[in-house]
N, C-alpha and C. Protein backbone atom coordinates (compact mmCIF):
# COMPACT_ATOMS: atom_id res chain seq x y z
N MET A 1 3.50 1.30 -9.40
CA MET A 1 1.99 1.16 -9.44
C MET A 1 1.28 2.54 -9.18
N GLU A 2 0.48 3.09 -10.14
CA GLU A 2 -0.43 4.25 -9.55
C GLU A 2 -1.78 3.63 -8.87
N LYS A 3 -2.05 4.69 -7.74
CA LYS A 3 -3.43 4.42 -6.90
C LYS A 3 -4.14 5.55 -7.02
N THR A 4 -5.10 6.01 -6.91
CA THR A 4 -5.68 6.88 -6.78
C THR A 4 -6.90 6.73 -5.68
N SER A 5 -7.03 7.70 -4.62
CA SER A 5 -7.92 7.72 -3.34
C SER A 5 -9.27 8.28 -4.15
N ILE A 6 -10.48 7.01 -4.00
CA ILE A 6 -11.55 7.48 -4.46
C ILE A 6 -11.88 7.81 -2.80
N SER A 7 -12.93 9.11 -3.13
CA SER A 7 -13.92 9.19 -1.83
C SER A 7 -15.09 10.14 -2.31
N SER A 8 -16.45 10.11 -1.48
CA SER A 8 -17.65 10.44 -1.66
C SER A 8 -17.93 11.42 -0.77
N ASP A 9 -18.43 12.43 -0.91
CA ASP A 9 -19.09 13.63 0.34
C ASP A 9 -20.40 12.37 0.56
N LYS A 10 -20.82 11.87 0.03
CA LYS A 10 -22.02 11.24 0.14
C LYS A 10 -22.20 9.97 1.12
N ALA A 11 -21.10 9.45 1.49
CA ALA A 11 -20.34 8.24 2.21
C ALA A 11 -19.87 8.82 3.65
N PRO A 12 -20.01 8.38 4.69
CA PRO A 12 -18.77 9.37 6.03
C PRO A 12 -17.54 9.29 5.55
N LYS A 13 -16.91 10.22 5.87
CA LYS A 13 -15.57 10.55 5.81
C LYS A 13 -14.75 9.67 6.17
N ALA A 14 -13.99 8.92 5.50
CA ALA A 14 -12.85 8.24 6.11
C ALA A 14 -12.06 8.54 6.68
N ALA A 15 -11.02 8.12 7.68
CA ALA A 15 -10.28 8.28 8.89
C ALA A 15 -8.96 8.52 8.07
N SER A 16 -8.15 9.48 8.40
CA SER A 16 -6.73 9.95 8.09
C SER A 16 -5.89 8.53 7.27
N PHE A 17 -6.20 7.08 7.96
CA PHE A 17 -5.14 6.38 8.35
C PHE A 17 -5.84 5.41 6.90
N PHE A 18 -6.77 5.54 6.30
CA PHE A 18 -7.59 4.66 5.43
C PHE A 18 -8.49 5.33 4.61
N SER A 19 -8.49 4.58 3.39
CA SER A 19 -8.92 5.59 2.06
C SER A 19 -10.61 4.78 2.19
N GLN A 20 -11.74 5.49 1.33
CA GLN A 20 -12.65 4.89 1.28
C GLN A 20 -12.64 3.85 0.02
N ALA A 21 -12.11 4.07 -0.98
CA ALA A 21 -11.55 3.54 -2.07
C ALA A 21 -10.23 3.37 -2.70
N ILE A 22 -9.69 2.73 -3.36
CA ILE A 22 -8.65 2.72 -4.04
C ILE A 22 -8.85 2.09 -5.48
N LEU A 23 -8.56 3.03 -6.71
CA LEU A 23 -8.62 2.47 -7.91
C LEU A 23 -7.29 2.36 -8.49
N THR A 24 -7.09 1.49 -9.25
CA THR A 24 -5.66 0.96 -9.80
C THR A 24 -5.96 0.68 -11.39
N ALA A 25 -4.65 0.92 -12.02
CA ALA A 25 -5.09 0.42 -13.47
C ALA A 25 -3.93 -0.59 -13.62
N SER A 26 -4.08 -1.58 -12.56
CA SER A 26 -2.86 -2.72 -12.50
C SER A 26 -3.38 -3.98 -13.06
N LYS A 27 -2.13 -4.79 -13.72
CA LYS A 27 -2.36 -5.85 -14.18
C LYS A 27 -2.49 -7.07 -13.28
N TYR A 28 -1.75 -6.85 -11.95
CA TYR A 28 -1.65 -8.03 -11.19
C TYR A 28 -2.65 -7.72 -10.21
N ASN A 29 -3.13 -8.91 -9.88
CA ASN A 29 -3.95 -9.01 -8.44
C ASN A 29 -3.51 -9.86 -7.44
N LEU A 30 -2.81 -9.60 -6.09
CA LEU A 30 -3.09 -11.10 -5.24
C LEU A 30 -3.81 -10.68 -4.01
N GLU A 31 -4.51 -11.60 -3.78
CA GLU A 31 -5.14 -11.78 -2.88
C GLU A 31 -4.46 -12.54 -1.50
N LEU A 32 -3.89 -11.81 -0.47
CA LEU A 32 -3.02 -12.76 0.67
C LEU A 32 -3.99 -13.09 1.52
N SER A 33 -3.44 -14.42 2.05
CA SER A 33 -4.26 -14.95 3.41
C SER A 33 -3.60 -14.37 4.31
N GLY A 34 -4.99 -14.42 5.64
CA GLY A 34 -4.56 -13.58 7.08
C GLY A 34 -3.16 -14.28 7.44
N GLN A 35 -2.05 -13.21 8.04
CA GLN A 35 -1.16 -13.11 8.78
C GLN A 35 -1.61 -12.98 10.37
N ILE A 36 -0.65 -13.72 11.04
CA ILE A 36 -1.25 -13.27 12.39
C ILE A 36 0.40 -13.10 12.98
N GLY A 37 0.60 -12.64 13.83
CA GLY A 37 1.90 -12.24 14.55
C GLY A 37 2.89 -13.45 15.10
N LEU A 38 2.94 -14.44 13.87
CA LEU A 38 4.10 -15.62 13.95
C LEU A 38 5.53 -15.18 13.62
N ASP A 39 6.29 -15.34 14.72
CA ASP A 39 7.64 -15.57 14.32
C ASP A 39 8.20 -16.64 13.00
N PRO A 40 8.18 -16.34 11.80
CA PRO A 40 8.64 -17.23 11.13
C PRO A 40 9.74 -18.20 11.59
N ALA A 41 10.84 -17.87 12.43
CA ALA A 41 12.11 -18.97 12.70
C ALA A 41 11.50 -19.62 13.83
N SER A 42 10.64 -19.58 14.67
CA SER A 42 9.99 -20.49 15.92
C SER A 42 8.63 -20.83 15.44
N SER A 43 7.67 -20.15 14.94
CA SER A 43 6.46 -20.61 14.27
C SER A 43 5.57 -20.66 15.51
N LYS A 44 6.30 -19.52 16.50
CA LYS A 44 5.23 -19.15 17.78
C LYS A 44 4.91 -17.87 17.40
N LEU A 45 3.61 -17.36 18.57
CA LEU A 45 3.40 -16.05 18.26
C LEU A 45 4.79 -15.14 18.80
N VAL A 46 4.90 -13.84 18.62
CA VAL A 46 5.96 -13.30 19.33
C VAL A 46 5.39 -12.95 20.49
N GLU A 47 6.05 -12.59 21.14
CA GLU A 47 5.80 -11.97 22.50
C GLU A 47 5.63 -10.73 22.66
N GLY A 48 4.45 -10.30 23.76
CA GLY A 48 4.21 -9.07 23.76
C GLY A 48 2.50 -8.91 23.83
N GLY A 49 2.39 -8.05 23.37
CA GLY A 49 0.71 -7.53 22.95
C GLY A 49 0.01 -7.45 21.17
N VAL A 50 -0.84 -7.06 21.29
CA VAL A 50 -1.55 -6.71 20.00
C VAL A 50 -0.66 -5.71 19.24
N ALA A 51 0.20 -4.77 19.49
CA ALA A 51 1.36 -3.73 18.88
C ALA A 51 2.45 -5.07 18.44
N GLU A 52 2.99 -5.69 19.02
CA GLU A 52 4.18 -6.58 18.79
C GLU A 52 3.38 -7.58 17.59
N GLN A 53 2.55 -8.25 17.71
CA GLN A 53 1.71 -9.33 16.96
C GLN A 53 1.52 -8.14 15.69
N THR A 54 1.07 -7.05 15.82
CA THR A 54 0.53 -6.20 14.47
C THR A 54 1.86 -6.12 13.64
N GLU A 55 2.61 -5.77 14.51
CA GLU A 55 4.24 -5.29 13.59
C GLU A 55 4.53 -7.03 12.76
N GLN A 56 4.65 -8.09 13.65
CA GLN A 56 4.93 -9.11 12.99
C GLN A 56 4.27 -9.67 12.16
N ALA A 57 2.72 -9.27 12.05
CA ALA A 57 1.93 -9.69 10.93
C ALA A 57 2.07 -8.81 9.72
N PHE A 58 2.29 -7.95 9.89
CA PHE A 58 2.99 -6.84 8.60
C PHE A 58 4.60 -7.17 8.12
N SER A 59 5.07 -8.04 9.04
CA SER A 59 6.38 -8.52 8.49
C SER A 59 6.34 -9.75 7.36
N ASN A 60 5.44 -10.43 8.07
CA ASN A 60 5.02 -11.43 7.30
C ASN A 60 4.23 -11.11 6.07
N VAL A 61 3.33 -10.16 5.97
CA VAL A 61 2.41 -9.80 5.02
C VAL A 61 3.93 -9.22 3.91
N GLU A 62 4.69 -8.25 4.13
CA GLU A 62 5.94 -7.96 3.57
C GLU A 62 6.53 -8.83 2.85
N ALA A 63 7.14 -9.80 3.51
CA ALA A 63 7.80 -11.28 3.37
C ALA A 63 6.77 -11.81 1.80
N VAL A 64 5.81 -12.03 2.06
CA VAL A 64 5.01 -12.66 0.98
C VAL A 64 5.11 -11.51 -0.43
N LEU A 65 4.78 -10.25 -0.08
CA LEU A 65 4.79 -9.21 -0.90
C LEU A 65 6.42 -9.21 -1.87
N SER A 66 7.04 -9.44 -1.24
CA SER A 66 8.67 -9.26 -1.77
C SER A 66 8.82 -10.40 -2.40
N GLU A 67 8.20 -11.56 -2.50
CA GLU A 67 8.59 -12.54 -3.67
C GLU A 67 7.71 -12.16 -5.16
N LEU A 68 6.87 -11.04 -5.25
CA LEU A 68 6.89 -10.38 -6.13
C LEU A 68 7.60 -8.95 -6.39
N ASN A 69 8.46 -8.72 -5.78
CA ASN A 69 9.18 -7.41 -5.81
C ASN A 69 7.96 -6.47 -5.74
N TRP A 70 7.15 -6.57 -4.62
CA TRP A 70 6.01 -5.82 -4.60
C TRP A 70 6.74 -4.88 -2.68
N THR A 71 5.78 -4.13 -2.33
CA THR A 71 5.45 -3.84 -1.11
C THR A 71 4.51 -3.36 -0.51
N LEU A 72 4.35 -2.86 0.85
CA LEU A 72 3.01 -2.32 1.10
C LEU A 72 2.56 -1.39 0.53
N ASP A 73 3.11 -0.69 -0.53
CA ASP A 73 2.35 0.35 -1.31
C ASP A 73 1.73 -0.21 -2.65
N ASN A 74 1.68 -1.64 -2.43
CA ASN A 74 0.99 -2.27 -3.49
C ASN A 74 -0.50 -3.05 -2.79
N ILE A 75 -0.58 -2.28 -1.57
CA ILE A 75 -1.33 -3.04 -1.07
C ILE A 75 -2.83 -2.07 -1.26
N THR A 76 -3.99 -2.61 -1.64
CA THR A 76 -5.34 -1.55 -1.96
C THR A 76 -6.38 -2.08 -0.76
N LYS A 77 -6.03 -3.33 -0.13
CA LYS A 77 -7.49 -3.33 0.76
C LYS A 77 -6.96 -4.02 1.84
N VAL A 78 -7.15 -3.71 3.12
CA VAL A 78 -6.52 -4.74 4.48
C VAL A 78 -7.90 -4.82 5.48
N ARG A 79 -8.07 -5.97 5.66
CA ARG A 79 -9.12 -6.48 6.91
C ARG A 79 -8.18 -6.89 7.69
N ILE A 80 -8.58 -6.16 8.98
CA ILE A 80 -8.05 -6.88 10.03
C ILE A 80 -9.20 -7.47 11.14
N TYR A 81 -8.67 -8.56 11.85
CA TYR A 81 -9.33 -9.30 12.74
C TYR A 81 -9.04 -9.08 13.99
N LEU A 82 -9.65 -8.54 14.97
CA LEU A 82 -9.06 -8.40 16.30
C LEU A 82 -9.81 -9.46 17.43
N THR A 83 -9.41 -9.87 18.44
CA THR A 83 -10.15 -10.53 19.40
C THR A 83 -10.94 -9.79 19.92
N SER A 84 -10.43 -8.47 20.27
CA SER A 84 -11.16 -7.19 21.39
C SER A 84 -10.82 -5.82 20.66
N MET A 85 -11.91 -5.20 20.35
CA MET A 85 -11.75 -3.96 20.27
C MET A 85 -11.15 -2.88 20.96
N ASP A 86 -10.53 -3.34 22.63
CA ASP A 86 -10.42 -2.88 23.38
C ASP A 86 -8.94 -2.49 22.64
N ASP A 87 -8.25 -3.52 21.62
CA ASP A 87 -6.74 -3.27 21.31
C ASP A 87 -6.69 -2.46 19.93
N TYR A 88 -7.86 -2.07 19.31
CA TYR A 88 -8.16 -1.19 18.11
C TYR A 88 -6.88 -0.07 18.20
N THR A 89 -7.19 0.46 19.34
CA THR A 89 -6.20 1.89 19.41
C THR A 89 -4.95 1.38 18.93
N GLU A 90 -4.16 0.51 19.80
CA GLU A 90 -2.81 0.24 19.58
C GLU A 90 -2.78 -0.39 18.41
N MET A 91 -3.44 -1.16 17.92
CA MET A 91 -3.46 -2.13 16.26
C MET A 91 -3.14 -0.80 15.47
N ASN A 92 -3.86 0.39 15.65
CA ASN A 92 -3.96 1.17 14.82
C ASN A 92 -2.94 2.12 14.61
N ASP A 93 -2.13 2.16 15.86
CA ASP A 93 -1.06 2.78 15.95
C ASP A 93 0.12 2.38 15.15
N VAL A 94 0.49 0.98 15.16
CA VAL A 94 1.31 0.36 14.33
C VAL A 94 0.60 0.26 12.42
N TYR A 95 -0.40 0.42 12.59
CA TYR A 95 -0.69 0.39 11.01
C TYR A 95 -0.56 1.59 10.42
N GLU A 96 -1.12 3.21 11.22
CA GLU A 96 -0.71 3.61 10.68
C GLU A 96 0.62 4.41 10.28
N SER A 97 1.43 3.51 11.21
CA SER A 97 3.20 3.96 10.38
C SER A 97 2.99 3.26 9.35
N LYS A 98 2.66 2.55 8.83
CA LYS A 98 2.74 1.20 7.93
C LYS A 98 2.74 2.00 6.19
N PHE A 99 1.75 3.07 6.15
CA PHE A 99 1.06 3.57 4.95
C PHE A 99 1.49 4.78 4.92
N GLY A 100 1.48 5.20 3.84
CA GLY A 100 1.80 6.50 3.21
C GLY A 100 0.38 7.33 3.07
N ASP A 101 0.88 8.73 2.16
CA ASP A 101 -0.50 9.54 1.74
C ASP A 101 -1.50 8.88 1.56
N THR A 102 -1.58 7.54 0.65
CA THR A 102 -2.62 6.99 0.03
C THR A 102 -2.96 5.73 1.06
N PRO A 103 -3.35 5.38 2.01
CA PRO A 103 -3.93 4.39 2.93
C PRO A 103 -4.64 3.37 1.82
N PRO A 104 -4.66 2.35 2.12
CA PRO A 104 -5.88 1.43 1.32
C PRO A 104 -7.02 1.45 2.13
N ALA A 105 -7.98 0.90 1.36
CA ALA A 105 -9.01 0.81 1.98
C ALA A 105 -8.94 -0.41 3.16
N ARG A 106 -10.29 -0.02 3.99
CA ARG A 106 -9.49 -0.97 5.33
C ARG A 106 -10.92 -1.56 6.32
N ALA A 107 -11.01 -2.63 6.67
CA ALA A 107 -12.28 -2.73 7.62
C ALA A 107 -11.67 -3.40 9.00
N ALA A 108 -12.10 -3.37 10.19
CA ALA A 108 -11.43 -3.83 11.33
C ALA A 108 -12.52 -4.37 11.90
N ILE A 109 -12.68 -6.03 12.11
CA ILE A 109 -13.48 -6.44 12.58
C ILE A 109 -13.28 -7.41 13.94
N ALA A 110 -14.40 -7.50 14.81
CA ALA A 110 -13.89 -8.20 15.96
C ALA A 110 -14.25 -9.69 16.03
N VAL A 111 -13.56 -10.41 16.19
CA VAL A 111 -14.15 -11.73 16.51
C VAL A 111 -13.89 -12.64 17.50
N LYS A 112 -14.60 -13.55 17.84
CA LYS A 112 -14.25 -14.36 18.88
C LYS A 112 -13.00 -14.89 19.19
N GLU A 113 -12.50 -15.62 18.26
CA GLU A 113 -10.97 -15.95 18.57
C GLU A 113 -10.35 -16.52 17.10
N LEU A 114 -8.79 -15.98 17.20
CA LEU A 114 -8.26 -16.40 15.98
C LEU A 114 -7.25 -17.87 16.55
N PRO A 115 -6.75 -18.03 15.28
CA PRO A 115 -5.60 -19.10 15.47
C PRO A 115 -4.63 -19.03 16.06
N LEU A 116 -4.27 -20.20 17.25
CA LEU A 116 -3.09 -20.23 18.29
C LEU A 116 -3.13 -18.86 19.09
N GLY A 117 -4.22 -18.73 19.43
CA GLY A 117 -4.30 -17.57 19.99
C GLY A 117 -3.90 -16.18 20.02
N ALA A 118 -3.99 -15.88 18.83
CA ALA A 118 -3.25 -14.49 18.14
C ALA A 118 -4.61 -13.52 18.64
N LEU A 119 -4.19 -12.16 18.84
CA LEU A 119 -5.05 -11.03 18.95
C LEU A 119 -5.37 -10.30 17.89
N VAL A 120 -4.37 -10.46 16.84
CA VAL A 120 -4.91 -9.74 15.84
C VAL A 120 -4.50 -10.87 14.27
N GLU A 121 -5.37 -10.42 13.37
CA GLU A 121 -5.02 -11.17 12.11
C GLU A 121 -5.13 -10.21 10.86
N ILE A 122 -4.28 -10.17 10.00
CA ILE A 122 -4.14 -9.29 8.62
C ILE A 122 -4.19 -9.78 7.47
N GLU A 123 -5.50 -9.34 6.98
CA GLU A 123 -5.53 -10.10 5.82
C GLU A 123 -5.69 -8.89 4.28
N CYS A 124 -4.71 -9.08 3.37
CA CYS A 124 -4.90 -8.28 2.30
C CYS A 124 -5.02 -8.47 0.79
N VAL A 125 -5.61 -7.48 0.11
CA VAL A 125 -5.05 -7.44 -1.14
C VAL A 125 -4.32 -6.65 -1.72
N ALA A 126 -3.60 -6.91 -2.80
CA ALA A 126 -2.54 -6.21 -3.27
C ALA A 126 -2.50 -6.19 -5.05
N THR A 127 -2.05 -5.01 -5.54
CA THR A 127 -2.03 -5.09 -7.00
C THR A 127 -0.63 -4.17 -7.45
N GLY A 128 -0.79 -4.94 -8.71
CA GLY A 128 1.23 -4.26 -8.99
C GLY A 128 0.68 -4.17 -10.78
N ASP A 129 1.62 -3.58 -11.46
CA ASP A 129 1.49 -2.97 -13.07
C ASP A 129 2.53 -4.94 -13.27
N GLU A 130 3.44 -4.70 -12.61
CA GLU A 130 4.34 -6.38 -12.99
C GLU A 130 4.75 -6.94 -11.73
N VAL A 131 5.81 -8.21 -11.84
CA VAL A 131 6.15 -9.04 -11.05
C VAL A 131 7.49 -9.18 -11.48
N HIS A 132 8.35 -9.78 -10.57
CA HIS A 132 10.00 -10.35 -11.24
C HIS A 132 9.49 -11.19 -12.35
N ASP A 133 10.68 -10.74 -13.05
CA ASP A 133 10.85 -11.84 -14.49
C ASP A 133 10.98 -13.56 -13.59
N ASP A 134 11.26 -13.74 -12.98
CA ASP A 134 11.09 -15.38 -12.82
C ASP A 134 9.86 -15.89 -12.56
N LEU A 135 8.74 -15.70 -12.50
CA LEU A 135 7.55 -15.96 -12.34
C LEU A 135 7.02 -15.93 -13.76
N SER A 136 6.32 -17.25 -13.90
CA SER A 136 5.62 -17.22 -15.37
C SER A 136 3.80 -17.54 -14.86
N ILE A 137 3.19 -16.40 -15.54
CA ILE A 137 2.24 -16.22 -14.85
C ILE A 137 1.39 -16.64 -16.35
């Protein structure tokens, strides 16, 4: 999938770890439900803090994407929900490690609470040129 970062000098500059916007010329669009740091084997939140939950949430996103033979590179938009903006830097350190030179557009939002007492939830939009042959769409 080819994606191009779009930016404007007339808007505030995006930080190095996300783009103002991403343009794709893709056929398929996937809206992923929010993922929290649930271990799929135990159905419990992973132990640790926001970094561990962020890692697990991304692992869960990657598992869903893999059903289409897609990766995090297919993500064009991320929405991150945090129960405390005090966790922003720690979450962001994990987030930055997940994306390459053309990171997706992004929003980070503080919320009162998340399911099961999670500290972070990650919701994504992904696009791709193709999906594996087993899917009939």
